[in-house]
Amino acid sequence: MKTRIRLQLSVMMFLEFFIWGAWFVTLGTFLLNNLKTSATQVSVAFLTQSIGAILAPFIIGLIADRFFSAQYILGILHLIGAALLYSASSVTDFDNFYPLILVYMILYMPTLALVNSVSFRQMKEPGKEFPPIRVLGTIGWIVAGFTIGWLNWEQNGSLDLTFKMAAIASAMLGVFSFTLPATPPIKKSGPASLSDMLGLDALSLLKNKSYLLFFLSSVAICIPLSFYYNFTNPFLNEIGMRSAAAKQSFGQVSELLFMLLIPAFFVRLGVKKMLALGMLAWVLRYILFAFGDTNANYWMLIAGIVLHGICYDFFFVTGQIYTDKLAGERFKSAAQGLITLATYGVGMLIGSLISGVIVDKWQLPAGGHNWQTIWLIPAAIAAVVMVLFLLLFQDKNKTQPTTTATV
């Protein structure tokens, strides 16, 4: 790959995930403190991610795969997104905020697939060339978190500025996208079938009983995952952790480090133990959050954040590898779309609906929340999923590690 193209793709990935990390991590705190919403409304706002993930295949299948070059669609979506994010920064109530963020996430979630499409089309050996480029996305997320912490926006009550920062980055990526390498649609002729748009051919994987159990486990484990995404930042700010968003970025640093260890662990442990360790890490994380504080048990909070590397890499990335190995060449992309739909779509949707109700239920009359009880609930859910998975899952397919990238 030419150096110029490598640099272009790296900048694209950095901005793509900087935009997301710039507002998404602190969204719950912004809604609770700035817009004075309930925890249920926080979950409804986070639910827009799931709606976007469910609708993304339609946008990609109908438009990007058939009619227009991916880099142009990427640019248009981010320019519209910039306007939506900037508008969201100035609203003062949830009723006006929600439609903006809903439309934004419906437009943003497809860009996650588009940046991958633009990248892969320029590569001869994606297994070697993609990870060094994709890692810039995780670095972008980390930089966004540290920027929020450095500017002290959480403590100053200035989280509306996170949306302005994300809007500026979105506008930059929108303009920059039109300079990216040409990525014309592959499927130029023939009618668009519903099966093609939704990747329904990949459903044949569910005939494999082991994969079906993994699929259902992926949906189930994303229910407690929603608690982390939706309420970790409000929790850390409520109990008095300074620069919580910056501290949460340690999770992405951990993700990078554990990514390097996956091939070695995969060879020694295999699919089942890797997936189970990922689930166990979720259980431990929530227990650490339940009993951690900003005094003597401060280390528990940091340890719970750092566990993100195992939580995400050992379950989700291992699952992507498992899916890739079981899917035939024809269905690889559709299969990855299927598992994304199960996790970010269905699983996170259910989790968002549940988590907000639980956090509201355990709100204290004098203010604040009973966080110990709140965190023990997703810990119990993750533990049940893990035990059932260990009892029922049997990997009857020989799977070997492959190079992949973080999400």
Protein backbone atom coordinates (compact mmCIF):
# COMPACT_ATOMS: atom_id res chain seq x y z
CA MET A 1 0.00 0.00 0.00
CA LYS A 2 1.26 3.47 -0.85
CA THR A 3 2.28 5.62 2.11
CA ARG A 4 -0.17 8.35 1.11
CA ILE A 5 -3.11 5.94 1.14
CA ARG A 6 -2.00 4.43 4.46
CA LEU A 7 -1.91 7.91 6.01
CA GLN A 8 -5.33 8.76 4.58
CA LEU A 9 -6.90 5.61 5.99
CA SER A 10 -5.23 6.15 9.37
CA VAL A 11 -6.58 9.70 9.65
CA MET A 12 -10.02 8.43 8.62
CA MET A 13 -10.00 5.79 11.38
CA PHE A 14 -8.73 8.23 14.01
CA LEU A 15 -11.48 10.75 13.30
CA GLU A 16 -14.21 8.07 12.97
CA PHE A 17 -13.72 6.85 16.53
CA PHE A 18 -12.67 10.20 18.00
CA ILE A 19 -16.13 11.45 16.99
CA TRP A 20 -17.88 8.57 18.77
CA GLY A 21 -15.73 8.66 21.89
CA ALA A 22 -16.01 12.45 22.15
CA TRP A 23 -19.66 12.40 23.28
CA PHE A 24 -20.82 8.81 23.77
CA VAL A 25 -18.83 8.02 26.94
CA THR A 26 -20.17 11.03 28.86
CA LEU A 27 -23.69 10.97 27.37
CA GLY A 28 -25.28 9.57 30.54
CA THR A 29 -23.68 12.22 32.75
CA PHE A 30 -24.71 14.97 30.30
CA LEU A 31 -28.33 13.83 30.32
CA LEU A 32 -28.60 13.37 34.08
CA ASN A 33 -26.79 16.57 35.07
CA ASN A 34 -27.39 18.99 32.20
CA LEU A 35 -30.84 17.97 30.97
CA LYS A 36 -32.03 16.58 34.36
CA THR A 37 -33.40 13.38 32.83
CA SER A 38 -34.25 10.09 34.53
CA ALA A 39 -32.05 7.00 34.17
CA THR A 40 -34.75 5.45 31.99
CA GLN A 41 -34.42 8.37 29.57
CA VAL A 42 -30.64 7.84 29.57
CA SER A 43 -31.22 4.25 28.47
CA VAL A 44 -33.66 5.40 25.79
CA ALA A 45 -30.94 7.72 24.45
CA PHE A 46 -28.37 4.91 24.39
CA LEU A 47 -30.96 2.75 22.67
CA THR A 48 -30.44 4.84 19.54
CA GLN A 49 -27.17 2.93 19.02
CA SER A 50 -29.11 -0.32 18.74
CA ILE A 51 -31.65 1.21 16.37
CA GLY A 52 -28.79 2.45 14.20
CA ALA A 53 -27.13 -0.98 14.24
CA ILE A 54 -30.39 -2.67 13.20
CA LEU A 55 -31.04 -0.21 10.35
CA ALA A 56 -27.41 -0.04 9.14
CA PRO A 57 -27.67 -3.12 6.85
CA PHE A 58 -30.47 -1.42 4.92
CA ILE A 59 -28.38 1.69 4.28
CA ILE A 60 -25.28 -0.29 3.30
CA GLY A 61 -27.17 -2.92 1.32
CA LEU A 62 -29.44 -0.50 -0.52
CA ILE A 63 -27.08 2.40 -1.16
CA ALA A 64 -23.37 1.75 -0.57
CA ASP A 65 -23.27 -1.74 -2.08
CA ARG A 66 -25.22 -0.86 -5.18
CA PHE A 67 -25.37 2.79 -6.19
CA PHE A 68 -22.73 5.18 -4.83
CA SER A 69 -19.05 5.05 -3.89
CA ALA A 70 -18.50 4.36 -0.20
CA GLN A 71 -16.23 7.38 0.39
CA TYR A 72 -18.90 9.79 -0.90
CA ILE A 73 -21.62 8.30 1.28
CA LEU A 74 -19.21 8.44 4.24
CA GLY A 75 -18.61 12.13 3.60
CA ILE A 76 -22.28 13.02 3.25
CA LEU A 77 -23.29 11.12 6.39
CA HIS A 78 -20.61 12.82 8.48
CA LEU A 79 -21.45 16.29 7.21
CA ILE A 80 -25.11 15.79 8.11
CA GLY A 81 -23.96 14.28 11.41
CA ALA A 82 -21.90 17.36 12.19
CA ALA A 83 -24.99 19.56 11.92
CA LEU A 84 -27.01 17.20 14.12
CA LEU A 85 -24.33 17.01 16.83
CA TYR A 86 -23.89 20.78 16.90
CA SER A 87 -27.66 21.22 17.23
CA ALA A 88 -27.75 18.65 20.06
CA SER A 89 -25.23 20.71 22.03
CA SER A 90 -27.64 23.60 22.45
CA VAL A 91 -30.90 21.88 23.41
CA THR A 92 -32.11 22.17 26.99
CA ASP A 93 -34.60 19.31 27.29
CA PHE A 94 -34.76 15.63 26.44
CA ASP A 95 -37.75 15.90 24.11
CA ASN A 96 -35.74 18.07 21.71
CA PHE A 97 -32.48 16.19 22.25
CA TYR A 98 -33.75 12.68 21.52
CA PRO A 99 -34.86 13.12 17.87
CA LEU A 100 -31.49 14.69 17.01
CA ILE A 101 -29.45 11.88 18.54
CA LEU A 102 -31.76 9.21 17.08
CA VAL A 103 -31.31 10.48 13.53
CA TYR A 104 -27.60 10.94 14.18
CA MET A 105 -27.06 7.33 15.29
CA ILE A 106 -29.08 5.98 12.36
CA LEU A 107 -26.63 7.85 10.13
CA TYR A 108 -23.47 7.15 12.16
CA MET A 109 -23.70 3.38 12.68
CA PRO A 110 -23.45 2.61 8.94
CA THR A 111 -20.21 4.62 8.78
CA LEU A 112 -18.53 1.94 10.94
CA ALA A 113 -18.96 -0.49 8.05
CA LEU A 114 -18.11 2.14 5.44
CA VAL A 115 -14.68 2.96 6.90
CA ASN A 116 -13.90 -0.76 6.88
CA SER A 117 -15.05 -1.07 3.27
CA VAL A 118 -12.91 1.86 2.16
CA SER A 119 -9.92 0.35 3.96
CA PHE A 120 -10.24 -3.25 2.79
CA ARG A 121 -10.66 -2.24 -0.85
CA GLN A 122 -7.20 -0.66 -0.82
CA MET A 123 -5.46 -3.70 0.67
CA LYS A 124 -3.87 -6.78 -0.82
CA GLU A 125 -3.26 -8.43 2.56
CA PRO A 126 -5.91 -7.13 4.99
CA GLY A 127 -4.77 -9.49 7.75
CA LYS A 128 -1.44 -7.66 7.90
CA GLU A 129 -2.36 -4.20 6.67
CA PHE A 130 -5.66 -3.52 8.46
CA PRO A 131 -4.74 -3.81 12.20
CA PRO A 132 -2.09 -1.00 12.19
CA ILE A 133 -4.66 1.27 10.54
CA ARG A 134 -7.63 0.22 12.68
CA VAL A 135 -5.66 0.74 15.87
CA LEU A 136 -5.72 4.48 15.10
CA GLY A 137 -9.46 4.32 15.74
CA THR A 138 -8.94 3.10 19.30
CA ILE A 139 -6.29 5.78 19.77
CA GLY A 140 -8.83 8.37 18.57
CA TRP A 141 -11.31 7.17 21.22
CA ILE A 142 -8.57 7.39 23.88
CA VAL A 143 -7.55 10.91 22.82
CA ALA A 144 -11.19 12.04 23.01
CA GLY A 145 -11.50 10.74 26.58
CA PHE A 146 -8.26 12.31 27.75
CA THR A 147 -9.23 15.61 26.12
CA ILE A 148 -12.49 15.72 28.09
CA GLY A 149 -10.60 14.93 31.30
CA TRP A 150 -7.82 17.45 30.60
CA LEU A 151 -10.35 20.24 29.95
CA ASN A 152 -12.28 19.21 33.08
CA TRP A 153 -15.64 19.39 31.30
CA GLU A 154 -17.31 16.83 33.59
CA GLN A 155 -16.59 18.76 36.79
CA ASN A 156 -17.37 22.12 35.16
CA GLY A 157 -20.75 21.02 33.87
CA SER A 158 -19.62 21.80 30.32
CA LEU A 159 -20.40 18.50 28.62
CA ASP A 160 -22.38 20.31 25.95
CA LEU A 161 -18.94 21.13 24.55
CA THR A 162 -18.35 17.42 23.86
CA PHE A 163 -21.01 17.58 21.14
CA LYS A 164 -19.42 20.69 19.63
CA MET A 165 -16.02 18.97 19.63
CA ALA A 166 -17.52 15.88 17.99
CA ALA A 167 -19.35 18.08 15.46
CA ILE A 168 -16.11 19.79 14.40
CA ALA A 169 -14.37 16.41 14.00
CA SER A 170 -17.37 15.08 12.05
CA ALA A 171 -17.26 18.04 9.69
CA MET A 172 -13.52 17.50 9.19
CA LEU A 173 -14.03 13.82 8.37
CA GLY A 174 -16.95 14.67 6.13
CA VAL A 175 -14.81 16.97 3.99
CA PHE A 176 -11.78 14.66 4.20
CA SER A 177 -13.82 11.66 3.01
CA PHE A 178 -14.17 13.16 -0.47
CA THR A 179 -10.37 12.92 -0.85
CA LEU A 180 -10.23 9.21 0.10
CA PRO A 181 -9.38 6.53 -2.48
CA ALA A 182 -12.25 5.64 -4.82
CA THR A 183 -14.40 2.80 -3.48
CA PRO A 184 -17.15 2.23 -6.07
CA PRO A 185 -20.03 -0.18 -5.40
CA ILE A 186 -19.40 -3.82 -6.24
CA LYS A 187 -22.98 -4.96 -6.86
CA LYS A 188 -23.88 -2.81 -9.84
CA SER A 189 -26.53 -4.90 -11.59
CA GLY A 190 -29.56 -6.99 -10.77
CA PRO A 191 -32.41 -6.30 -8.39
CA ALA A 192 -31.67 -5.83 -4.70
CA SER A 193 -33.19 -8.71 -2.75
CA LEU A 194 -34.12 -8.52 0.91
CA SER A 195 -31.76 -11.44 1.52
CA ASP A 196 -28.81 -9.49 0.07
CA MET A 197 -29.63 -6.35 2.04
CA LEU A 198 -29.90 -8.11 5.38
CA GLY A 199 -27.27 -10.77 4.83
CA LEU A 200 -29.84 -13.48 5.48
CA ASP A 201 -27.67 -16.10 3.81
CA ALA A 202 -25.52 -16.01 6.95
CA LEU A 203 -28.46 -17.38 8.95
CA SER A 204 -27.39 -20.83 7.74
CA LEU A 205 -24.67 -20.64 10.41
CA LEU A 206 -27.36 -20.97 13.06
CA LYS A 207 -27.98 -24.55 11.93
CA ASN A 208 -24.72 -25.32 13.70
CA LYS A 209 -25.82 -25.96 17.31
CA SER A 210 -22.52 -24.72 18.76
CA TYR A 211 -22.71 -21.49 16.80
CA LEU A 212 -26.39 -21.05 17.70
CA LEU A 213 -25.47 -21.24 21.39
CA PHE A 214 -22.64 -18.74 20.85
CA PHE A 215 -25.07 -16.45 19.01
CA LEU A 216 -27.61 -16.58 21.84
CA SER A 217 -24.84 -16.07 24.40
CA SER A 218 -23.70 -12.98 22.49
CA VAL A 219 -27.18 -11.52 22.72
CA ALA A 220 -27.44 -12.37 26.41
CA ILE A 221 -24.00 -11.04 27.45
CA CYS A 222 -24.79 -7.68 25.83
CA ILE A 223 -27.63 -7.17 28.32
CA PRO A 224 -25.19 -6.55 31.21
CA LEU A 225 -22.84 -4.81 28.77
CA SER A 226 -25.43 -2.04 28.42
CA PHE A 227 -25.06 -1.22 32.10
CA TYR A 228 -21.38 -0.44 31.52
CA TYR A 229 -21.83 1.75 28.45
CA ASN A 230 -24.88 3.58 29.79
CA PHE A 231 -24.03 4.23 33.41
CA THR A 232 -20.31 3.85 34.18
CA ASN A 233 -19.56 7.53 33.57
CA PRO A 234 -22.53 8.80 35.65
CA PHE A 235 -21.55 6.33 38.39
CA LEU A 236 -17.90 7.43 38.50
CA ASN A 237 -18.84 11.11 38.51
CA GLU A 238 -21.51 10.63 41.17
CA ILE A 239 -19.09 8.94 43.59
CA GLY A 240 -16.51 11.68 43.03
CA MET A 241 -13.91 10.35 40.58
CA ARG A 242 -12.15 13.26 38.88
CA SER A 243 -11.67 13.16 35.09
CA ALA A 244 -13.78 10.00 34.85
CA ALA A 245 -13.85 10.01 31.05
CA ALA A 246 -10.06 10.09 30.93
CA LYS A 247 -9.87 7.22 33.45
CA GLN A 248 -12.31 5.22 31.33
CA SER A 249 -9.88 5.52 28.42
CA PHE A 250 -7.62 3.13 30.32
CA GLY A 251 -10.06 0.49 29.14
CA GLN A 252 -9.15 1.17 25.50
CA VAL A 253 -5.44 1.11 26.39
CA SER A 254 -6.03 -2.30 27.98
CA GLU A 255 -7.90 -3.36 24.85
CA LEU A 256 -4.85 -2.60 22.71
CA LEU A 257 -2.52 -4.55 24.98
CA PHE A 258 -4.71 -7.64 25.23
CA MET A 259 -5.24 -7.59 21.47
CA LEU A 260 -1.55 -8.40 21.07
CA LEU A 261 -1.95 -11.40 23.38
CA ILE A 262 -4.98 -12.95 21.68
CA PRO A 263 -3.07 -15.21 19.22
CA ALA A 264 -1.00 -16.74 22.04
CA PHE A 265 -4.03 -17.26 24.30
CA PHE A 266 -6.10 -18.63 21.42
CA VAL A 267 -3.60 -21.40 20.68
CA ARG A 268 -3.36 -22.43 24.33
CA LEU A 269 -6.97 -22.06 25.43
CA GLY A 270 -9.18 -22.51 22.38
CA VAL A 271 -12.52 -20.90 21.62
CA LYS A 272 -14.59 -22.09 24.58
CA LYS A 273 -12.15 -21.04 27.31
CA MET A 274 -11.43 -17.71 25.62
CA LEU A 275 -15.13 -16.86 25.41
CA ALA A 276 -15.72 -18.01 29.00
CA LEU A 277 -12.82 -15.86 30.28
CA GLY A 278 -14.37 -12.86 28.54
CA MET A 279 -17.67 -13.53 30.31
CA LEU A 280 -15.92 -14.04 33.66
CA ALA A 281 -14.21 -10.67 33.24
CA TRP A 282 -17.67 -9.02 33.01
CA VAL A 283 -18.71 -10.67 36.27
CA LEU A 284 -15.53 -9.51 38.03
CA ARG A 285 -15.78 -6.00 36.60
CA TYR A 286 -19.25 -5.41 38.01
CA ILE A 287 -18.32 -6.88 41.40
CA LEU A 288 -15.34 -4.51 41.53
CA PHE A 289 -17.62 -1.59 40.67
CA ALA A 290 -20.11 -2.70 43.34
CA PHE A 291 -17.54 -2.61 46.15
CA GLY A 292 -15.16 0.05 44.84
CA ASP A 293 -15.01 3.67 46.01
CA THR A 294 -12.81 6.73 45.69
CA ASN A 295 -11.01 6.04 48.98
CA ALA A 296 -9.37 2.78 50.07
CA ASN A 297 -11.02 0.76 47.32
CA TYR A 298 -10.15 3.15 44.50
CA TRP A 299 -8.03 0.39 42.96
CA MET A 300 -11.21 -1.63 42.41
CA LEU A 301 -12.65 1.06 40.16
CA ILE A 302 -9.46 1.26 38.09
CA ALA A 303 -9.20 -2.54 37.91
CA GLY A 304 -12.80 -2.74 36.73
CA ILE A 305 -12.05 -0.26 33.95
CA VAL A 306 -8.81 -1.98 32.92
CA LEU A 307 -10.65 -5.31 32.66
CA HIS A 308 -12.20 -3.91 29.49
CA GLY A 309 -9.36 -5.46 27.48
CA ILE A 310 -10.37 -8.96 28.55
CA CYS A 311 -14.10 -8.20 28.56
CA TYR A 312 -14.09 -7.01 24.97
CA ASP A 313 -11.19 -8.82 23.30
CA PHE A 314 -11.64 -12.27 24.79
CA PHE A 315 -15.36 -12.44 24.04
CA PHE A 316 -16.13 -10.14 21.13
CA VAL A 317 -12.93 -10.38 19.11
CA THR A 318 -12.68 -14.13 19.75
CA GLY A 319 -16.29 -14.37 18.64
CA GLN A 320 -15.46 -12.50 15.43
CA ILE A 321 -12.64 -14.96 14.78
CA TYR A 322 -14.95 -17.90 15.50
CA THR A 323 -17.58 -16.48 13.15
CA ASP A 324 -15.05 -15.81 10.40
CA LYS A 325 -13.75 -19.38 10.53
CA LEU A 326 -17.19 -20.99 10.38
CA ALA A 327 -18.53 -18.74 7.61
CA GLY A 328 -17.76 -19.67 4.01
CA GLU A 329 -15.96 -17.21 1.77
CA ARG A 330 -19.26 -16.09 0.30
CA PHE A 331 -20.82 -15.24 3.66
CA LYS A 332 -17.93 -13.76 5.68
CA SER A 333 -19.14 -10.16 5.56
CA ALA A 334 -22.77 -11.12 6.06
CA ALA A 335 -21.80 -13.31 9.02
CA GLN A 336 -19.96 -10.45 10.73
CA GLY A 337 -22.99 -8.26 10.10
CA LEU A 338 -25.18 -10.91 11.70
CA ILE A 339 -23.17 -11.03 14.91
CA THR A 340 -23.04 -7.21 15.04
CA LEU A 341 -26.82 -7.14 14.69
CA ALA A 342 -27.10 -9.64 17.56
CA THR A 343 -24.80 -7.72 19.91
CA TYR A 344 -25.05 -3.99 19.23
CA GLY A 345 -28.58 -4.43 17.89
CA VAL A 346 -30.71 -6.93 19.81
CA GLY A 347 -28.56 -7.51 22.92
CA MET A 348 -27.80 -3.87 23.63
CA LEU A 349 -31.40 -2.93 22.90
CA ILE A 350 -32.71 -5.31 25.56
CA GLY A 351 -29.98 -4.22 27.97
CA SER A 352 -30.75 -0.54 27.50
CA LEU A 353 -34.43 -1.09 28.20
CA ILE A 354 -33.62 -2.99 31.41
CA SER A 355 -30.71 -0.97 32.78
CA GLY A 356 -32.47 2.40 32.96
CA VAL A 357 -35.44 0.96 34.84
CA ILE A 358 -33.11 -0.71 37.36
CA VAL A 359 -31.03 2.43 37.95
CA ASP A 360 -34.21 4.47 38.48
CA LYS A 361 -35.55 1.84 40.89
CA TRP A 362 -32.45 2.10 43.07
CA GLN A 363 -32.32 5.88 43.20
CA LEU A 364 -32.02 7.07 46.80
CA PRO A 365 -34.59 9.53 48.26
CA ALA A 366 -31.80 11.81 49.48
CA GLY A 367 -30.12 11.83 46.08
CA GLY A 368 -27.66 9.52 44.37
CA HIS A 369 -28.10 5.78 43.80
CA ASN A 370 -27.53 2.46 45.51
CA TRP A 371 -24.76 1.56 43.07
CA GLN A 372 -23.73 -1.60 44.90
CA THR A 373 -27.09 -3.23 44.24
CA ILE A 374 -27.23 -1.81 40.72
CA TRP A 375 -23.85 -3.32 39.71
CA LEU A 376 -24.51 -6.68 41.34
CA ILE A 377 -27.52 -7.17 39.04
CA PRO A 378 -25.51 -7.21 35.75
CA ALA A 379 -22.84 -9.25 37.57
CA ALA A 380 -25.48 -11.90 38.29
CA ILE A 381 -26.79 -11.82 34.70
CA ALA A 382 -23.28 -12.25 33.29
CA ALA A 383 -22.58 -15.09 35.76
CA VAL A 384 -25.71 -16.98 34.69
CA VAL A 385 -24.81 -16.56 31.00
CA MET A 386 -21.28 -17.79 31.69
CA VAL A 387 -22.40 -20.90 33.60
CA LEU A 388 -24.94 -21.88 30.93
CA PHE A 389 -22.34 -21.32 28.23
CA LEU A 390 -19.78 -23.53 29.99
CA LEU A 391 -22.34 -26.29 30.49
CA LEU A 392 -23.82 -26.30 27.00
CA PHE A 393 -21.22 -25.06 24.51
CA GLN A 394 -19.08 -27.56 22.63
CA ASP A 395 -16.69 -26.36 19.93
CA LYS A 396 -16.83 -29.16 17.38
CA ASN A 397 -14.98 -27.13 14.75
CA LYS A 398 -11.23 -26.67 14.54
CA THR A 399 -10.62 -22.94 14.74
CA GLN A 400 -7.23 -21.31 14.52
CA PRO A 401 -6.37 -17.70 15.36
CA THR A 402 -6.36 -15.06 12.69
CA THR A 403 -5.30 -11.45 12.77
CA THR A 404 -8.20 -9.14 13.49
CA ALA A 405 -8.76 -5.65 14.83
CA THR A 406 -10.53 -3.90 17.64
CA VAL A 407 -13.90 -2.31 17.34
